[in-house]
Structures are given as structure tokens and as C-alpha cells.
Amino acid sequence: MPKTYSEQEREYIDKRLREEAMNCMAAYGIRKTTVDELVRRVRIPKGTFYLFYESKEQLLFQVLMEFHKTIEKQLLEKAESLAGRKPDVEAVTDMLMDFFMKADEAPVIRLMTSGELEILARKLPKEELLAHFTEDAGMVETVVGKLFPAGSECAPELADQFGGAFRNIFTAMVYSHEGGKAADPGALRLLIRGLVLQLFEREAALPDNQGN
């Protein structure tokens, strides 16, 4: 019969499982991260693991999404700090560049280039993946709305177009790691700044801003 844990014990075990899941993914990748290794590190019975997660894949996905939300939260906080004053091209470029570079330094990048994330995705319910991508698209819209409140009614259109463009930059950055190469910060900044310039031009042409 499984042991009953107090709420405090459950919080601690879950926290440790997530910590070690990230450590194992960084060290071994998704394929070689096993439930046996996770429970050994956290020092719990194997059966206890399944009180918290249905599978290894569910835990690893949750850990990756937590990391994703952390850097997104930092991006939104910076967008909010710029929202109180008229943003300029360089400030927005710096903000997005910092976001991209933090993402580039994360272990998850290696998982993406190795194809291991695709393996993880195939073993997860489609509902979980759909919820993540829907939330991701909403984040882009939120950032656009915070930076350009005058054009907030047109934010969905801007978010859709520029969100896709920024995702393409991210994809290019990810695959620059193939063959052991690192992302070129100079080239990355040129790409980001070019999109930011176009974003400012599009925002300036919105009806609410005409005549200002």
C-alpha cells in the first residue's frame, strides 16, 4: 500500500523531482533520463513517483514548460517596465535580445537540436501540447499590447504576424547549434532589430496613431 504523505512532504518531493528532472535532462537528455535515476536522486520508492506523475514524459514536459514560463515572465516584466514610457527601437531590441540569449543558454536548446523533444511530444496527450502553444501565442499578443496600448485593438493581427516571425528567428537560433556552433549574437541582434523596426512602423500606421 502506498505511503501517505503530508502536504508539506508532497510539496518537497514534487519540488525535488522537478529539480532532478531538469538536472538529468541537462546531463543525459530525455532518452537516458529514467524514473529509476530520478527516484534514486530524490531518495523515494519508485511507486511514489507514480503518485505524482503518470509517466516520465509528463514530468519532463512540466519541467520544460516551467522553464519556458519563467523566461516568458521575465520578458513580460520588462515589457511592463517599458509600458510606462514611449518605447524606442533600441530598448525593445535589447529586451528581446536578452530573452533570446537566455533561452539560447538553456539546456533545452540541446534537446531541440537532437530531436529528443519530438520524441517527448509523441508520448504526450495532444491536449497538453495544444494548451501550451495556445498560451505561447497569447504571450506574444500580451507583449505587443503592453508595448503599444494605443493599438491594442489591432494587437491580435500584429501578434500573429510578428509572433510567427520571432518564432522563425528562434528556430534559426536553435538549429545554429547543430554541428557544435553557437548562435552569433551580432547576427541575432540584426534580425531582431529589423523586426522591431517593422513593428514600430506598423504600429505607427494604426488608425489610433494617425495624426499624433
Protein backbone atom coordinates (compact mmCIF):
# COMPACT_ATOMS: atom_id res chain seq x y z
CA MET A 1 0.00 0.00 0.00
CA PRO A 2 1.49 3.41 -0.96
CA LYS A 3 2.68 5.59 1.86
CA THR A 4 0.54 8.60 2.74
CA TYR A 5 2.45 11.89 2.62
CA SER A 6 1.61 15.15 4.30
CA GLU A 7 1.05 18.25 2.15
CA GLN A 8 4.49 19.55 3.13
CA GLU A 9 6.12 16.26 2.19
CA ARG A 10 4.31 16.19 -1.15
CA GLU A 11 5.45 19.72 -1.97
CA TYR A 12 9.05 18.84 -1.10
CA ILE A 13 9.05 15.60 -3.13
CA ASP A 14 7.48 17.29 -6.15
CA LYS A 15 9.99 20.14 -5.96
CA ARG A 16 12.90 17.68 -5.79
CA LEU A 17 11.55 15.61 -8.68
CA ARG A 18 11.35 18.71 -10.86
CA GLU A 19 14.83 19.83 -9.87
CA GLU A 20 16.38 16.46 -10.63
CA ALA A 21 14.40 16.11 -13.84
CA MET A 22 15.98 19.31 -15.16
CA ASN A 23 19.43 18.20 -13.94
CA CYS A 24 19.07 14.81 -15.64
CA MET A 25 17.83 16.29 -18.92
CA ALA A 26 20.78 18.68 -18.97
CA ALA A 27 23.24 15.86 -18.26
CA TYR A 28 21.74 12.90 -20.13
CA GLY A 29 18.95 14.11 -22.40
CA ILE A 30 15.39 12.83 -22.46
CA ARG A 31 16.04 9.27 -23.65
CA LYS A 32 18.54 8.47 -20.90
CA THR A 33 16.63 10.16 -18.09
CA THR A 34 14.83 7.33 -16.31
CA VAL A 35 12.36 7.03 -13.47
CA ASP A 36 14.88 4.79 -11.68
CA GLU A 37 17.50 7.54 -11.78
CA LEU A 38 15.05 10.21 -10.65
CA VAL A 39 13.81 8.26 -7.63
CA ARG A 40 17.40 7.33 -6.71
CA ARG A 41 18.35 11.01 -6.64
CA VAL A 42 15.26 12.09 -4.71
CA ARG A 43 15.51 9.01 -2.43
CA ILE A 44 11.91 7.86 -2.71
CA PRO A 45 10.41 4.47 -3.63
CA LYS A 46 9.66 4.02 -7.31
CA GLY A 47 5.97 3.59 -6.57
CA THR A 48 5.91 7.07 -5.01
CA PHE A 49 6.89 8.62 -8.32
CA TYR A 50 3.58 7.49 -9.84
CA LEU A 51 1.63 9.20 -7.06
CA PHE A 52 2.84 12.46 -8.62
CA TYR A 53 3.18 11.76 -12.35
CA GLU A 54 1.70 9.23 -14.73
CA SER A 55 4.94 8.96 -16.68
CA LYS A 56 8.47 10.27 -17.03
CA GLU A 57 7.36 12.21 -20.10
CA GLN A 58 4.67 14.09 -18.19
CA LEU A 59 7.21 15.22 -15.56
CA LEU A 60 9.80 16.27 -18.13
CA PHE A 61 7.22 18.21 -20.12
CA GLN A 62 6.07 20.04 -16.99
CA VAL A 63 9.66 20.95 -16.12
CA LEU A 64 10.32 22.31 -19.61
CA MET A 65 7.11 24.35 -19.52
CA GLU A 66 8.08 25.79 -16.13
CA PHE A 67 11.37 26.95 -17.58
CA HIS A 68 9.54 28.38 -20.59
CA LYS A 69 7.12 30.27 -18.32
CA THR A 70 9.98 31.64 -16.23
CA ILE A 71 11.72 33.34 -19.13
CA GLU A 72 8.37 34.48 -20.53
CA LYS A 73 7.54 36.05 -17.15
CA GLN A 74 10.84 37.92 -17.23
CA LEU A 75 10.01 39.15 -20.74
CA LEU A 76 6.56 40.36 -19.68
CA GLU A 77 8.00 42.15 -16.65
CA LYS A 78 10.43 44.02 -18.88
CA ALA A 79 7.64 44.86 -21.31
CA GLU A 80 5.63 46.28 -18.42
CA SER A 81 8.60 48.39 -17.31
CA LEU A 82 8.71 49.91 -20.81
CA ALA A 83 4.94 50.40 -20.97
CA GLY A 84 5.04 53.47 -18.71
CA ARG A 85 7.03 55.44 -21.28
CA LYS A 86 7.08 55.55 -25.06
CA PRO A 87 9.23 52.58 -26.08
CA ASP A 88 12.05 53.04 -28.55
CA VAL A 89 13.57 50.63 -31.03
CA GLU A 90 16.80 50.05 -29.12
CA ALA A 91 15.08 49.43 -25.77
CA VAL A 92 12.69 46.87 -27.28
CA THR A 93 15.54 45.25 -29.23
CA ASP A 94 17.60 44.97 -26.01
CA MET A 95 14.64 43.43 -24.18
CA LEU A 96 14.04 40.78 -26.87
CA MET A 97 17.75 40.12 -27.33
CA ASP A 98 18.07 39.37 -23.62
CA PHE A 99 15.11 36.99 -23.84
CA PHE A 100 16.60 35.14 -26.83
CA MET A 101 20.06 34.86 -25.27
CA LYS A 102 18.67 33.44 -22.00
CA ALA A 103 16.73 30.87 -23.99
CA ASP A 104 19.84 30.09 -26.04
CA GLU A 105 21.87 29.33 -22.91
CA ALA A 106 19.32 26.82 -21.59
CA PRO A 107 19.90 23.04 -21.77
CA VAL A 108 16.57 22.66 -23.59
CA ILE A 109 18.21 24.01 -26.76
CA ARG A 110 20.37 20.89 -26.98
CA LEU A 111 17.27 18.74 -26.64
CA MET A 112 15.59 20.55 -29.53
CA THR A 113 18.52 20.12 -31.90
CA SER A 114 18.89 16.44 -31.00
CA GLY A 115 15.27 15.73 -31.88
CA GLU A 116 14.50 14.46 -28.39
CA LEU A 117 11.69 16.95 -27.84
CA GLU A 118 9.83 15.37 -30.76
CA ILE A 119 10.06 12.00 -29.02
CA LEU A 120 8.69 13.57 -25.84
CA ALA A 121 5.84 15.26 -27.72
CA ARG A 122 4.74 11.98 -29.34
CA LYS A 123 4.19 10.44 -25.92
CA LEU A 124 2.09 13.29 -24.50
CA PRO A 125 -1.65 13.96 -24.82
CA LYS A 126 -2.40 16.35 -27.67
CA GLU A 127 -4.47 18.46 -25.29
CA GLU A 128 -1.38 19.34 -23.25
CA LEU A 129 0.61 20.38 -26.31
CA LEU A 130 -2.27 22.41 -27.74
CA ALA A 131 -2.73 24.25 -24.43
CA HIS A 132 0.96 25.17 -24.40
CA PHE A 133 1.03 26.54 -27.95
CA THR A 134 -2.19 28.50 -27.40
CA GLU A 135 -0.71 30.08 -24.30
CA ASP A 136 2.52 30.84 -26.17
CA ALA A 137 0.63 32.73 -28.89
CA GLY A 138 -1.25 34.69 -26.22
CA MET A 139 2.04 35.77 -24.65
CA VAL A 140 3.15 37.46 -27.90
CA GLU A 141 -0.17 39.31 -28.09
CA THR A 142 0.23 40.44 -24.46
CA VAL A 143 3.71 41.83 -25.09
CA VAL A 144 2.54 43.73 -28.18
CA GLY A 145 -0.43 45.13 -26.25
CA LYS A 146 1.78 46.30 -23.37
CA LEU A 147 4.30 48.00 -25.65
CA PHE A 148 1.70 49.64 -27.89
CA PRO A 149 -1.51 50.19 -25.89
CA ALA A 150 -2.81 52.73 -28.45
CA GLY A 151 -3.04 49.92 -30.98
CA SER A 152 -4.28 47.28 -28.59
CA GLU A 153 -7.38 46.62 -30.73
CA CYS A 154 -5.05 45.59 -33.57
CA ALA A 155 -2.75 43.63 -31.26
CA PRO A 156 -4.05 40.18 -32.37
CA GLU A 157 -3.12 40.90 -36.01
CA LEU A 158 0.31 42.27 -35.06
CA ALA A 159 0.90 39.41 -32.62
CA ASP A 160 0.03 36.79 -35.22
CA GLN A 161 2.37 38.21 -37.86
CA PHE A 162 5.27 39.23 -35.68
CA GLY A 163 4.89 36.29 -33.30
CA GLY A 164 5.41 33.97 -36.27
CA ALA A 165 8.41 35.98 -37.41
CA PHE A 166 10.03 35.85 -33.97
CA ARG A 167 9.38 32.11 -33.75
CA ASN A 168 11.22 31.73 -37.06
CA ILE A 169 14.20 33.61 -35.60
CA PHE A 170 14.09 31.33 -32.57
CA THR A 171 14.05 28.26 -34.82
CA ALA A 172 17.06 29.57 -36.76
CA MET A 173 18.87 30.21 -33.47
CA VAL A 174 18.12 26.69 -32.26
CA TYR A 175 19.42 24.98 -35.38
CA SER A 176 22.56 27.11 -35.45
CA HIS A 177 23.71 24.78 -32.64
CA GLU A 178 23.88 21.81 -34.96
CA GLY A 179 27.47 20.80 -35.51
CA GLY A 180 28.54 22.44 -32.26
CA LYS A 181 28.07 26.01 -33.47
CA ALA A 182 26.88 28.76 -31.14
CA ALA A 183 24.38 31.42 -32.07
CA ASP A 184 26.01 34.58 -33.42
CA PRO A 185 24.83 37.43 -31.12
CA GLY A 186 25.63 40.08 -33.73
CA ALA A 187 23.58 38.40 -36.45
CA LEU A 188 20.79 37.63 -33.98
CA ARG A 189 20.55 41.27 -32.93
CA LEU A 190 20.36 42.42 -36.57
CA LEU A 191 17.42 40.09 -37.19
CA ILE A 192 15.60 41.12 -34.02
CA ARG A 193 16.19 44.84 -34.61
CA GLY A 194 14.89 44.53 -38.17
CA LEU A 195 11.62 43.04 -36.94
CA VAL A 196 11.31 45.61 -34.16
CA LEU A 197 11.71 48.41 -36.71
CA GLN A 198 8.92 46.92 -38.80
CA LEU A 199 6.76 46.52 -35.70
CA PHE A 200 7.20 50.22 -34.89
CA GLU A 201 6.36 51.17 -38.47
CA ARG A 202 3.21 49.05 -38.46
CA GLU A 203 2.13 50.40 -35.07
CA ALA A 204 2.67 54.00 -36.22
CA ALA A 205 0.33 53.37 -39.15
CA LEU A 206 -2.54 52.17 -36.96
CA PRO A 207 -5.64 54.43 -37.06
CA ASP A 208 -5.35 55.45 -33.39
CA ASN A 209 -1.88 56.84 -34.04
CA GLN A 210 -2.57 58.78 -37.21
CA GLY A 211 -2.24 62.50 -36.66
CA ASN A 212 -0.31 62.04 -33.35
